[in-house]
Amino acid sequence: FDRLNEAAEHYSDIVAAVEAQQRKEAGEEYVPAEVVRQLLDGQNPLKVWRKYRGMTLDALAEAVGRQGSFISKLEKGKAEGGIKLWKDIAVALRVDLDDLLPVESD
């Protein structure tokens, strides 16, 4: 029984690995654990994603037609943007709009 149980676990691991590889080959993005940890720790999602994408404040600002100082204010919560701006930022960062919303803790 123990050998069969262990073999079943190994089979499940192999199936999961093959499925993950297929998703990766289909273009699914894998996000590093450090980025996920930062988001779960409540860090500003805009800043986390911008840094992960390797964009400066000015580069992101240029991509969305704003100034770097305004993007900095968004990251610090000292400014608010309209939905069009947030959609443009999401496109520039290649994330879903929902990914830019703060993570709520229960």
Protein backbone atom coordinates (compact mmCIF):
# COMPACT_ATOMS: atom_id res chain seq x y z
CA PHE A 1 0.00 0.00 0.00
CA ASP A 2 2.77 2.46 0.93
CA ARG A 3 4.59 1.86 -2.37
CA LEU A 4 1.38 2.37 -4.35
CA ASN A 5 0.61 5.53 -2.41
CA GLU A 6 4.12 6.87 -3.03
CA ALA A 7 3.89 5.98 -6.74
CA ALA A 8 0.56 7.83 -6.97
CA GLU A 9 2.13 10.91 -5.39
CA HIS A 10 5.04 10.80 -7.84
CA TYR A 11 2.60 10.42 -10.73
CA SER A 12 0.62 13.46 -9.51
CA ASP A 13 3.84 15.48 -9.33
CA ILE A 14 4.79 14.44 -12.86
CA VAL A 15 1.35 15.35 -14.23
CA ALA A 16 1.49 18.75 -12.48
CA ALA A 17 4.96 19.43 -13.89
CA VAL A 18 3.89 18.52 -17.43
CA GLU A 19 0.79 20.72 -17.16
CA ALA A 20 2.88 23.63 -15.84
CA GLN A 21 5.32 23.26 -18.73
CA GLN A 22 2.45 23.26 -21.22
CA ARG A 23 1.04 26.46 -19.71
CA LYS A 24 4.48 28.07 -19.84
CA GLU A 25 4.93 27.09 -23.49
CA ALA A 26 1.48 28.55 -24.21
CA GLY A 27 2.71 31.91 -22.92
CA GLU A 28 1.51 31.91 -19.33
CA GLU A 29 3.72 34.10 -17.21
CA TYR A 30 5.34 32.85 -14.04
CA VAL A 31 5.74 35.52 -11.38
CA PRO A 32 8.70 35.15 -9.01
CA ALA A 33 7.88 34.28 -5.40
CA GLU A 34 9.51 37.53 -4.24
CA VAL A 35 7.02 39.59 -6.27
CA VAL A 36 4.11 37.57 -4.88
CA ARG A 37 5.46 38.02 -1.34
CA GLN A 38 5.71 41.78 -1.80
CA LEU A 39 2.13 41.95 -3.03
CA LEU A 40 0.86 39.76 -0.20
CA ASP A 41 2.80 41.87 2.31
CA GLY A 42 0.68 44.82 1.22
CA GLN A 43 3.30 46.74 -0.77
CA ASN A 44 1.87 49.07 -3.38
CA PRO A 45 1.01 46.89 -6.40
CA LEU A 46 1.78 49.67 -8.87
CA LYS A 47 5.30 50.05 -7.53
CA VAL A 48 5.88 46.28 -7.25
CA TRP A 49 4.81 45.62 -10.85
CA ARG A 50 6.67 48.66 -12.21
CA LYS A 51 9.91 47.53 -10.59
CA TYR A 52 9.37 43.91 -11.64
CA ARG A 53 8.95 45.07 -15.24
CA GLY A 54 12.16 47.08 -14.92
CA MET A 55 10.49 50.42 -15.61
CA THR A 56 11.51 53.71 -14.10
CA LEU A 57 8.91 56.21 -12.96
CA ASP A 58 9.68 58.29 -16.04
CA ALA A 59 9.45 55.33 -18.43
CA LEU A 60 6.03 54.34 -17.10
CA ALA A 61 4.91 57.95 -17.08
CA GLU A 62 5.94 58.36 -20.71
CA ALA A 63 4.08 55.18 -21.65
CA VAL A 64 0.85 56.56 -20.19
CA GLY A 65 1.29 60.23 -21.06
CA ARG A 66 1.95 61.54 -17.56
CA GLN A 67 4.90 62.83 -15.57
CA GLY A 68 7.09 60.69 -13.37
CA SER A 69 6.22 62.80 -10.36
CA PHE A 70 2.54 61.95 -10.82
CA ILE A 71 3.25 58.22 -11.00
CA SER A 72 5.30 58.58 -7.82
CA LYS A 73 2.31 60.22 -6.12
CA LEU A 74 0.08 57.34 -7.26
CA GLU A 75 2.54 54.86 -5.76
CA LYS A 76 2.56 56.74 -2.47
CA GLY A 77 -1.22 57.10 -2.39
CA LYS A 78 -0.99 60.87 -2.59
CA ALA A 79 -2.85 61.11 -5.90
CA GLU A 80 -5.71 59.31 -7.56
CA GLY A 81 -6.14 58.55 -11.20
CA GLY A 82 -9.19 57.92 -13.31
CA ILE A 83 -10.11 54.54 -14.69
CA LYS A 84 -8.61 55.33 -18.12
CA LEU A 85 -5.24 56.09 -16.55
CA TRP A 86 -5.31 52.87 -14.51
CA LYS A 87 -6.22 50.88 -17.62
CA ASP A 88 -3.34 52.51 -19.51
CA ILE A 89 -0.97 51.70 -16.66
CA ALA A 90 -2.16 48.08 -16.62
CA VAL A 91 -1.50 47.80 -20.37
CA ALA A 92 1.96 49.37 -20.01
CA LEU A 93 2.84 46.96 -17.19
CA ARG A 94 1.26 43.97 -18.98
CA VAL A 95 -1.00 43.10 -16.04
CA ASP A 96 -4.73 42.92 -15.47
CA LEU A 97 -6.29 46.02 -13.98
CA ASP A 98 -7.20 43.93 -10.92
CA ASP A 99 -3.49 43.24 -10.36
CA LEU A 100 -2.95 46.91 -9.57
CA LEU A 101 -5.54 47.00 -6.83
CA PRO A 102 -4.24 46.65 -3.27
CA VAL A 103 -4.51 43.21 -1.72
CA GLU A 104 -7.12 43.20 1.03
CA SER A 105 -6.29 41.23 4.14
CA ASP A 106 -9.02 39.42 6.05
